Amino acid sequence: MTAPAQRAFRLGAALLLAALIQLAFSDSLTIRGARPDILLATALLSAMFCGANGGAALGFTAGLVYTCFAAPPNGGFGSLVFSRTLVCLGVGWLEERIYRDSGLLAVAIVTLGTVLAEGIFFIADPQGHLLHWARSVLSTTLYNFVLAYPLYLLLRRWLGSLRERDAN
């Protein structure tokens, strides 16, 4: 198997594992109403190790899996898939053009990516209670901020030498 195929397989497995962890433990990990979005954080971090197309595929998959496991209220399936795809595509595009592997950048990408994905979702499918939505996004963003660096280290270790662009 080629290095890009191995990387794609490992990133897909990481997304699947993140989805299962979120499905199984999300309620247990709730702190004062805040829940992590482990699937989105993993997709954003995974997109750091891909190009724009790979990032878009990861975001699409993450959005599709999320809508299958946790049906959003009042629909919004397409909006969730769209928001995740667009944000992960942007992270993949940035990886190709601007930055390299960095833990500090990973934390910033997960934090800003969570806000951006939720903001795009809100614009595409407006929710009725703006303050409730904003509080939910803020708490999820803070939770993802805390989880970003440990998830980044795990993902980096999981990819090993496959994380380098030179592996293509």
N, C-alpha and C. Protein backbone atom coordinates (compact mmCIF):
# COMPACT_ATOMS: atom_id res chain seq x y z
N MET A 1 0.85 -1.17 0.00
CA MET A 1 0.00 0.00 0.00
C MET A 1 0.90 1.24 0.00
N THR A 2 0.54 2.23 -0.80
CA THR A 2 1.35 3.44 -0.89
C THR A 2 1.18 4.30 0.36
N ALA A 3 2.11 5.19 0.57
CA ALA A 3 2.06 6.06 1.76
C ALA A 3 0.80 6.93 1.80
N PRO A 4 0.40 7.56 0.69
CA PRO A 4 -0.85 8.34 0.74
C PRO A 4 -2.07 7.48 1.05
N ALA A 5 -2.11 6.26 0.53
CA ALA A 5 -3.23 5.37 0.83
C ALA A 5 -3.22 4.96 2.30
N GLN A 6 -2.04 4.68 2.84
CA GLN A 6 -1.94 4.35 4.27
C GLN A 6 -2.38 5.52 5.13
N ARG A 7 -1.97 6.74 4.75
CA ARG A 7 -2.36 7.92 5.52
C ARG A 7 -3.88 8.09 5.46
N ALA A 8 -4.46 7.94 4.29
CA ALA A 8 -5.92 8.07 4.15
C ALA A 8 -6.63 7.02 4.99
N PHE A 9 -6.13 5.79 4.99
CA PHE A 9 -6.73 4.73 5.79
C PHE A 9 -6.65 5.08 7.28
N ARG A 10 -5.49 5.54 7.73
CA ARG A 10 -5.32 5.86 9.15
C ARG A 10 -6.16 7.06 9.57
N LEU A 11 -6.26 8.06 8.71
CA LEU A 11 -7.09 9.21 9.04
C LEU A 11 -8.57 8.82 9.08
N GLY A 12 -8.99 7.96 8.16
CA GLY A 12 -10.36 7.45 8.20
C GLY A 12 -10.64 6.65 9.45
N ALA A 13 -9.68 5.84 9.85
CA ALA A 13 -9.83 5.06 11.09
C ALA A 13 -9.89 5.98 12.30
N ALA A 14 -9.10 7.06 12.28
CA ALA A 14 -9.13 8.02 13.38
C ALA A 14 -10.50 8.70 13.47
N LEU A 15 -11.09 9.03 12.31
CA LEU A 15 -12.43 9.62 12.31
C LEU A 15 -13.47 8.64 12.85
N LEU A 16 -13.37 7.39 12.43
CA LEU A 16 -14.31 6.38 12.91
C LEU A 16 -14.18 6.21 14.42
N LEU A 17 -12.96 6.13 14.91
CA LEU A 17 -12.73 6.00 16.35
C LEU A 17 -13.27 7.22 17.10
N ALA A 18 -13.05 8.41 16.55
CA ALA A 18 -13.56 9.63 17.18
C ALA A 18 -15.08 9.62 17.22
N ALA A 19 -15.71 9.14 16.15
CA ALA A 19 -17.17 9.06 16.12
C ALA A 19 -17.69 8.08 17.17
N LEU A 20 -17.03 6.95 17.30
CA LEU A 20 -17.45 5.96 18.30
C LEU A 20 -17.26 6.48 19.72
N ILE A 21 -16.14 7.16 19.96
CA ILE A 21 -15.91 7.74 21.29
C ILE A 21 -16.95 8.81 21.59
N GLN A 22 -17.24 9.65 20.60
CA GLN A 22 -18.25 10.68 20.82
C GLN A 22 -19.62 10.07 21.07
N LEU A 23 -19.95 9.06 20.31
CA LEU A 23 -21.25 8.40 20.47
C LEU A 23 -21.36 7.73 21.83
N ALA A 24 -20.29 7.07 22.27
CA ALA A 24 -20.34 6.30 23.51
C ALA A 24 -20.16 7.16 24.76
N PHE A 25 -19.32 8.19 24.68
CA PHE A 25 -18.93 8.90 25.91
C PHE A 25 -19.29 10.37 25.95
N SER A 26 -19.93 10.90 24.94
CA SER A 26 -20.22 12.33 24.91
C SER A 26 -21.07 12.77 26.10
N ASP A 27 -22.08 12.00 26.43
CA ASP A 27 -22.91 12.36 27.58
C ASP A 27 -22.13 12.27 28.88
N SER A 28 -21.24 11.31 28.99
CA SER A 28 -20.43 11.15 30.20
C SER A 28 -19.42 12.27 30.36
N LEU A 29 -18.99 12.85 29.26
CA LEU A 29 -17.98 13.90 29.29
C LEU A 29 -18.58 15.29 29.44
N THR A 30 -19.88 15.39 29.62
CA THR A 30 -20.54 16.68 29.76
C THR A 30 -20.15 17.34 31.08
N ILE A 31 -19.70 18.58 30.98
CA ILE A 31 -19.36 19.37 32.16
C ILE A 31 -20.18 20.65 32.10
N ARG A 32 -21.12 20.79 33.03
CA ARG A 32 -22.00 21.97 33.09
C ARG A 32 -22.66 22.26 31.75
N GLY A 33 -23.12 21.24 31.12
CA GLY A 33 -23.82 21.39 29.85
C GLY A 33 -22.92 21.44 28.63
N ALA A 34 -21.61 21.52 28.84
CA ALA A 34 -20.66 21.58 27.71
C ALA A 34 -20.31 20.18 27.26
N ARG A 35 -20.39 19.97 25.95
CA ARG A 35 -20.02 18.68 25.37
C ARG A 35 -18.93 18.89 24.34
N PRO A 36 -17.98 17.98 24.32
CA PRO A 36 -16.95 18.11 23.28
C PRO A 36 -17.50 17.65 21.94
N ASP A 37 -16.95 18.19 20.88
CA ASP A 37 -17.24 17.70 19.53
C ASP A 37 -15.96 17.03 19.05
N ILE A 38 -15.74 15.83 19.55
CA ILE A 38 -14.51 15.09 19.27
C ILE A 38 -14.38 14.80 17.78
N LEU A 39 -15.48 14.53 17.14
CA LEU A 39 -15.46 14.23 15.71
C LEU A 39 -14.99 15.44 14.90
N LEU A 40 -15.52 16.62 15.21
CA LEU A 40 -15.09 17.82 14.50
C LEU A 40 -13.62 18.14 14.79
N ALA A 41 -13.22 18.03 16.05
CA ALA A 41 -11.83 18.30 16.41
C ALA A 41 -10.88 17.34 15.68
N THR A 42 -11.25 16.09 15.60
CA THR A 42 -10.42 15.10 14.90
C THR A 42 -10.37 15.40 13.40
N ALA A 43 -11.51 15.78 12.83
CA ALA A 43 -11.53 16.11 11.40
C ALA A 43 -10.65 17.32 11.11
N LEU A 44 -10.72 18.34 11.97
CA LEU A 44 -9.89 19.53 11.77
C LEU A 44 -8.41 19.20 11.89
N LEU A 45 -8.06 18.42 12.90
CA LEU A 45 -6.66 18.04 13.08
C LEU A 45 -6.18 17.14 11.95
N SER A 46 -7.03 16.25 11.49
CA SER A 46 -6.66 15.36 10.39
C SER A 46 -6.45 16.14 9.11
N ALA A 47 -7.25 17.18 8.91
CA ALA A 47 -7.10 18.00 7.71
C ALA A 47 -5.76 18.72 7.68
N MET A 48 -5.12 18.87 8.84
CA MET A 48 -3.79 19.48 8.89
C MET A 48 -2.75 18.61 8.19
N PHE A 49 -3.04 17.33 8.05
CA PHE A 49 -2.09 16.39 7.46
C PHE A 49 -2.47 16.00 6.03
N CYS A 50 -3.37 16.77 5.43
CA CYS A 50 -3.85 16.49 4.06
C CYS A 50 -3.76 17.77 3.25
N GLY A 51 -4.11 17.64 2.00
CA GLY A 51 -4.28 18.81 1.15
C GLY A 51 -5.74 19.25 1.21
N ALA A 52 -6.10 20.15 0.32
CA ALA A 52 -7.46 20.67 0.31
C ALA A 52 -8.49 19.58 0.00
N ASN A 53 -8.21 18.73 -0.98
CA ASN A 53 -9.16 17.67 -1.34
C ASN A 53 -9.33 16.67 -0.21
N GLY A 54 -8.22 16.26 0.40
CA GLY A 54 -8.30 15.33 1.52
C GLY A 54 -9.03 15.95 2.70
N GLY A 55 -8.76 17.22 2.97
CA GLY A 55 -9.46 17.91 4.05
C GLY A 55 -10.95 17.98 3.81
N ALA A 56 -11.34 18.28 2.56
CA ALA A 56 -12.76 18.32 2.21
C ALA A 56 -13.41 16.95 2.40
N ALA A 57 -12.71 15.90 1.99
CA ALA A 57 -13.24 14.54 2.16
C ALA A 57 -13.41 14.20 3.65
N LEU A 58 -12.42 14.59 4.46
CA LEU A 58 -12.53 14.35 5.90
C LEU A 58 -13.69 15.12 6.50
N GLY A 59 -13.83 16.39 6.13
CA GLY A 59 -14.93 17.20 6.64
C GLY A 59 -16.28 16.67 6.22
N PHE A 60 -16.39 16.25 4.96
CA PHE A 60 -17.64 15.67 4.46
C PHE A 60 -17.99 14.42 5.25
N THR A 61 -17.00 13.56 5.44
CA THR A 61 -17.22 12.32 6.18
C THR A 61 -17.62 12.61 7.62
N ALA A 62 -16.92 13.54 8.26
CA ALA A 62 -17.24 13.89 9.65
C ALA A 62 -18.65 14.45 9.75
N GLY A 63 -19.02 15.32 8.83
CA GLY A 63 -20.38 15.88 8.85
C GLY A 63 -21.44 14.82 8.61
N LEU A 64 -21.18 13.93 7.67
CA LEU A 64 -22.14 12.87 7.36
C LEU A 64 -22.29 11.91 8.53
N VAL A 65 -21.18 11.52 9.13
CA VAL A 65 -21.23 10.61 10.27
C VAL A 65 -21.95 11.28 11.46
N TYR A 66 -21.64 12.56 11.69
CA TYR A 66 -22.28 13.28 12.80
C TYR A 66 -23.79 13.33 12.61
N THR A 67 -24.24 13.61 11.39
CA THR A 67 -25.68 13.69 11.17
C THR A 67 -26.34 12.32 11.27
N CYS A 68 -25.61 11.26 10.98
CA CYS A 68 -26.17 9.92 11.12
C CYS A 68 -26.31 9.52 12.59
N PHE A 69 -25.33 9.86 13.39
CA PHE A 69 -25.35 9.48 14.80
C PHE A 69 -26.23 10.40 15.65
N ALA A 70 -26.17 11.68 15.42
CA ALA A 70 -26.89 12.64 16.25
C ALA A 70 -27.71 13.53 15.34
N ALA A 71 -28.89 13.07 14.98
CA ALA A 71 -29.74 13.83 14.08
C ALA A 71 -29.99 15.22 14.66
N PRO A 72 -29.60 16.27 13.93
CA PRO A 72 -29.79 17.62 14.45
C PRO A 72 -31.27 17.96 14.52
N PRO A 73 -31.64 18.80 15.48
CA PRO A 73 -33.05 19.17 15.59
C PRO A 73 -33.51 19.97 14.37
N ASN A 74 -34.70 19.73 13.95
CA ASN A 74 -35.30 20.45 12.82
C ASN A 74 -34.51 20.29 11.53
N GLY A 75 -33.93 19.13 11.32
CA GLY A 75 -33.18 18.91 10.09
C GLY A 75 -31.79 19.49 10.16
N GLY A 76 -31.38 20.14 9.11
CA GLY A 76 -30.05 20.74 9.09
C GLY A 76 -28.96 19.78 8.67
N PHE A 77 -29.33 18.64 8.10
CA PHE A 77 -28.33 17.64 7.72
C PHE A 77 -27.34 18.22 6.72
N GLY A 78 -27.85 18.79 5.65
CA GLY A 78 -26.99 19.35 4.62
C GLY A 78 -26.13 20.48 5.14
N SER A 79 -26.69 21.28 6.04
CA SER A 79 -25.94 22.40 6.60
C SER A 79 -24.77 21.92 7.45
N LEU A 80 -24.97 20.86 8.21
CA LEU A 80 -23.87 20.31 9.01
C LEU A 80 -22.77 19.74 8.11
N VAL A 81 -23.16 18.99 7.11
CA VAL A 81 -22.18 18.40 6.20
C VAL A 81 -21.44 19.51 5.46
N PHE A 82 -22.17 20.51 5.00
CA PHE A 82 -21.57 21.64 4.29
C PHE A 82 -20.58 22.40 5.16
N SER A 83 -20.96 22.69 6.39
CA SER A 83 -20.09 23.48 7.27
C SER A 83 -18.80 22.73 7.57
N ARG A 84 -18.90 21.45 7.88
CA ARG A 84 -17.70 20.66 8.18
C ARG A 84 -16.80 20.52 6.95
N THR A 85 -17.42 20.29 5.79
CA THR A 85 -16.65 20.14 4.55
C THR A 85 -15.89 21.43 4.24
N LEU A 86 -16.57 22.55 4.34
CA LEU A 86 -15.96 23.83 3.99
C LEU A 86 -14.80 24.18 4.92
N VAL A 87 -14.98 23.99 6.22
CA VAL A 87 -13.93 24.34 7.18
C VAL A 87 -12.72 23.41 7.03
N CYS A 88 -12.94 22.11 6.89
CA CYS A 88 -11.82 21.18 6.72
C CYS A 88 -11.12 21.38 5.38
N LEU A 89 -11.87 21.75 4.35
CA LEU A 89 -11.25 22.09 3.07
C LEU A 89 -10.30 23.28 3.27
N GLY A 90 -10.74 24.28 4.02
CA GLY A 90 -9.91 25.44 4.29
C GLY A 90 -8.65 25.08 5.06
N VAL A 91 -8.75 24.19 6.03
CA VAL A 91 -7.58 23.77 6.80
C VAL A 91 -6.61 23.02 5.89
N GLY A 92 -7.13 22.14 5.04
CA GLY A 92 -6.28 21.43 4.09
C GLY A 92 -5.61 22.37 3.11
N TRP A 93 -6.35 23.38 2.67
CA TRP A 93 -5.79 24.37 1.75
C TRP A 93 -4.66 25.14 2.43
N LEU A 94 -4.88 25.52 3.69
CA LEU A 94 -3.84 26.23 4.43
C LEU A 94 -2.59 25.37 4.59
N GLU A 95 -2.79 24.07 4.81
CA GLU A 95 -1.64 23.18 4.98
C GLU A 95 -0.78 23.17 3.73
N GLU A 96 -1.41 23.21 2.58
CA GLU A 96 -0.67 23.19 1.32
C GLU A 96 0.11 24.48 1.09
N ARG A 97 -0.37 25.59 1.63
CA ARG A 97 0.18 26.88 1.24
C ARG A 97 0.92 27.64 2.34
N ILE A 98 0.52 27.47 3.58
CA ILE A 98 1.01 28.40 4.60
C ILE A 98 1.85 27.75 5.70
N TYR A 99 1.38 26.72 6.35
CA TYR A 99 2.01 26.28 7.57
C TYR A 99 2.51 24.85 7.52
N ARG A 100 3.25 24.52 8.52
CA ARG A 100 3.73 23.15 8.73
C ARG A 100 3.19 22.65 10.07
N ASP A 101 3.59 21.47 10.40
CA ASP A 101 3.18 20.77 11.60
C ASP A 101 3.54 21.57 12.87
N SER A 102 2.53 21.93 13.69
CA SER A 102 2.77 22.70 14.90
C SER A 102 1.66 22.45 15.90
N GLY A 103 2.02 22.16 17.15
CA GLY A 103 1.03 21.91 18.19
C GLY A 103 0.23 23.15 18.54
N LEU A 104 0.90 24.29 18.62
CA LEU A 104 0.21 25.54 18.93
C LEU A 104 -0.78 25.89 17.84
N LEU A 105 -0.38 25.68 16.61
CA LEU A 105 -1.27 25.94 15.49
C LEU A 105 -2.45 24.97 15.49
N ALA A 106 -2.21 23.74 15.91
CA ALA A 106 -3.29 22.75 15.99
C ALA A 106 -4.38 23.22 16.95
N VAL A 107 -3.97 23.75 18.10
CA VAL A 107 -4.93 24.25 19.08
C VAL A 107 -5.72 25.42 18.49
N ALA A 108 -5.02 26.32 17.81
CA ALA A 108 -5.69 27.47 17.20
C ALA A 108 -6.66 27.02 16.10
N ILE A 109 -6.24 26.05 15.30
CA ILE A 109 -7.10 25.57 14.21
C ILE A 109 -8.36 24.91 14.75
N VAL A 110 -8.22 24.10 15.79
CA VAL A 110 -9.40 23.44 16.36
C VAL A 110 -10.34 24.49 16.98
N THR A 111 -9.77 25.45 17.69
CA THR A 111 -10.59 26.47 18.34
C THR A 111 -11.33 27.32 17.30
N LEU A 112 -10.58 27.88 16.37
CA LEU A 112 -11.21 28.72 15.35
C LEU A 112 -12.07 27.90 14.38
N GLY A 113 -11.63 26.69 14.09
CA GLY A 113 -12.41 25.83 13.20
C GLY A 113 -13.76 25.44 13.80
N THR A 114 -13.79 25.21 15.10
CA THR A 114 -15.06 24.89 15.77
C THR A 114 -16.02 26.07 15.68
N VAL A 115 -15.52 27.27 15.98
CA VAL A 115 -16.36 28.47 15.89
C VAL A 115 -16.84 28.69 14.46
N LEU A 116 -15.93 28.55 13.51
CA LEU A 116 -16.29 28.77 12.11
C LEU A 116 -17.29 27.74 11.60
N ALA A 117 -17.07 26.46 11.92
CA ALA A 117 -18.01 25.42 11.48
C ALA A 117 -19.39 25.64 12.07
N GLU A 118 -19.44 25.98 13.35
CA GLU A 118 -20.74 26.22 13.99
C GLU A 118 -21.38 27.50 13.45
N GLY A 119 -20.55 28.51 13.16
CA GLY A 119 -21.08 29.75 12.58
C GLY A 119 -21.67 29.53 11.20
N ILE A 120 -20.97 28.77 10.36
CA ILE A 120 -21.48 28.46 9.02
C ILE A 120 -22.77 27.65 9.15
N PHE A 121 -22.79 26.70 10.09
CA PHE A 121 -24.01 25.92 10.30
C PHE A 121 -25.16 26.83 10.71
N PHE A 122 -24.90 27.79 11.59
CA PHE A 122 -25.94 28.71 12.04
C PHE A 122 -26.46 29.57 10.90
N ILE A 123 -25.55 30.04 10.05
CA ILE A 123 -25.97 30.87 8.92
C ILE A 123 -26.79 30.04 7.93
N ALA A 124 -26.37 28.81 7.68
CA ALA A 124 -27.06 27.95 6.71
C ALA A 124 -28.39 27.43 7.25
N ASP A 125 -28.47 27.24 8.56
CA ASP A 125 -29.69 26.71 9.18
C ASP A 125 -29.92 27.43 10.51
N PRO A 126 -30.45 28.66 10.46
CA PRO A 126 -30.59 29.46 11.68
C PRO A 126 -31.39 28.74 12.77
N GLN A 127 -30.88 28.84 13.98
CA GLN A 127 -31.54 28.25 15.13
C GLN A 127 -32.44 29.32 15.78
N GLY A 128 -33.43 28.88 16.50
CA GLY A 128 -34.40 29.81 17.08
C GLY A 128 -33.87 30.65 18.23
N HIS A 129 -33.04 30.10 19.04
CA HIS A 129 -32.58 30.78 20.25
C HIS A 129 -31.10 31.14 20.10
N LEU A 130 -30.82 32.37 19.73
CA LEU A 130 -29.47 32.81 19.45
C LEU A 130 -28.56 32.70 20.68
N LEU A 131 -29.05 33.13 21.84
CA LEU A 131 -28.20 33.10 23.04
C LEU A 131 -27.90 31.67 23.47
N HIS A 132 -28.88 30.80 23.37
CA HIS A 132 -28.65 29.39 23.72
C HIS A 132 -27.62 28.79 22.76
N TRP A 133 -27.76 29.09 21.47
CA TRP A 133 -26.80 28.60 20.48
C TRP A 133 -25.40 29.14 20.76
N ALA A 134 -25.30 30.44 21.05
CA ALA A 134 -23.99 31.05 21.31
C ALA A 134 -23.34 30.44 22.55
N ARG A 135 -24.10 30.19 23.59
CA ARG A 135 -23.57 29.57 24.81
C ARG A 135 -23.10 28.14 24.52
N SER A 136 -23.87 27.43 23.72
CA SER A 136 -23.50 26.06 23.36
C SER A 136 -22.22 26.04 22.54
N VAL A 137 -22.10 26.95 21.58
CA VAL A 137 -20.90 27.02 20.75
C VAL A 137 -19.69 27.40 21.59
N LEU A 138 -19.87 28.35 22.49
CA LEU A 138 -18.76 28.77 23.34
C LEU A 138 -18.27 27.62 24.23
N SER A 139 -19.20 26.88 24.82
CA SER A 139 -18.81 25.77 25.69
C SER A 139 -18.16 24.64 24.89
N THR A 140 -18.69 24.34 23.72
CA THR A 140 -18.08 23.32 22.87
C THR A 140 -16.69 23.75 22.41
N THR A 141 -16.55 25.02 22.08
CA THR A 141 -15.26 25.55 21.64
C THR A 141 -14.23 25.45 22.76
N LEU A 142 -14.62 25.80 23.97
CA LEU A 142 -13.69 25.71 25.09
C LEU A 142 -13.30 24.26 25.35
N TYR A 143 -14.25 23.36 25.26
CA TYR A 143 -13.97 21.94 25.46
C TYR A 143 -13.00 21.44 24.38
N ASN A 144 -13.27 21.80 23.12
CA ASN A 144 -12.39 21.38 22.03
C ASN A 144 -11.01 22.00 22.16
N PHE A 145 -10.94 23.24 22.68
CA PHE A 145 -9.67 23.89 22.93
C PHE A 145 -8.81 23.06 23.89
N VAL A 146 -9.43 22.56 24.93
CA VAL A 146 -8.72 21.75 25.93
C VAL A 146 -8.28 20.41 25.33
N LEU A 147 -9.11 19.83 24.50
CA LEU A 147 -8.81 18.51 23.93
C LEU A 147 -7.88 18.57 22.71
N ALA A 148 -7.70 19.75 22.13
CA ALA A 148 -6.98 19.85 20.85
C ALA A 148 -5.55 19.34 20.92
N TYR A 149 -4.78 19.78 21.89
CA TYR A 149 -3.37 19.38 21.93
C TYR A 149 -3.19 17.89 22.19
N PRO A 150 -3.89 17.30 23.18
CA PRO A 150 -3.76 15.84 23.35
C PRO A 150 -4.20 15.06 22.11
N LEU A 151 -5.29 15.49 21.47
CA LEU A 151 -5.72 14.81 20.24
C LEU A 151 -4.69 14.97 19.13
N TYR A 152 -4.10 16.14 19.04
CA TYR A 152 -3.06 16.38 18.04
C TYR A 152 -1.87 15.45 18.24
N LEU A 153 -1.43 15.31 19.49
CA LEU A 153 -0.30 14.42 19.77
C LEU A 153 -0.63 12.97 19.45
N LEU A 154 -1.84 12.54 19.79
CA LEU A 154 -2.26 11.17 19.47
C LEU A 154 -2.31 10.95 17.96
N LEU A 155 -2.89 11.89 17.26
CA LEU A 155 -3.00 11.75 15.81
C LEU A 155 -1.63 11.78 15.14
N ARG A 156 -0.78 12.64 15.62
CA ARG A 156 0.58 12.73 15.06
C ARG A 156 1.34 11.42 15.28
N ARG A 157 1.17 10.86 16.46
CA ARG A 157 1.83 9.58 16.76
C ARG A 157 1.23 8.46 15.91
N TRP A 158 -0.08 8.47 15.75
CA TRP A 158 -0.78 7.46 14.96
C TRP A 158 -0.32 7.48 13.51
N LEU A 159 -0.08 8.67 12.97
CA LEU A 159 0.35 8.77 11.58
C LEU A 159 1.83 8.45 11.40
N GLY A 160 2.64 8.71 12.43
CA GLY A 160 4.07 8.42 12.33
C GLY A 160 4.70 9.15 11.17
N SER A 161 5.47 8.44 10.37
CA SER A 161 6.16 9.06 9.23
C SER A 161 5.20 9.41 8.10
N LEU A 162 3.97 8.93 8.16
CA LEU A 162 3.00 9.20 7.10
C LEU A 162 2.47 10.62 7.16
N ARG A 163 2.77 11.34 8.25
CA ARG A 163 2.23 12.69 8.38
C ARG A 163 2.96 13.71 7.53
N GLU A 164 4.15 13.40 7.13
CA GLU A 164 4.96 14.34 6.37
C GLU A 164 4.45 14.46 4.95
N ARG A 165 4.49 15.65 4.43
CA ARG A 165 4.09 15.89 3.05
C ARG A 165 5.00 15.13 2.10
N ASP A 166 6.26 14.91 2.51
CA ASP A 166 7.22 14.23 1.66
C ASP A 166 6.87 12.75 1.43
N ALA A 167 5.91 12.23 2.23
CA ALA A 167 5.52 10.82 2.07
C ALA A 167 4.69 10.61 0.81
N ASN A 168 4.24 11.69 0.17
CA ASN A 168 3.43 11.56 -1.05
C ASN A 168 4.18 10.95 -2.17
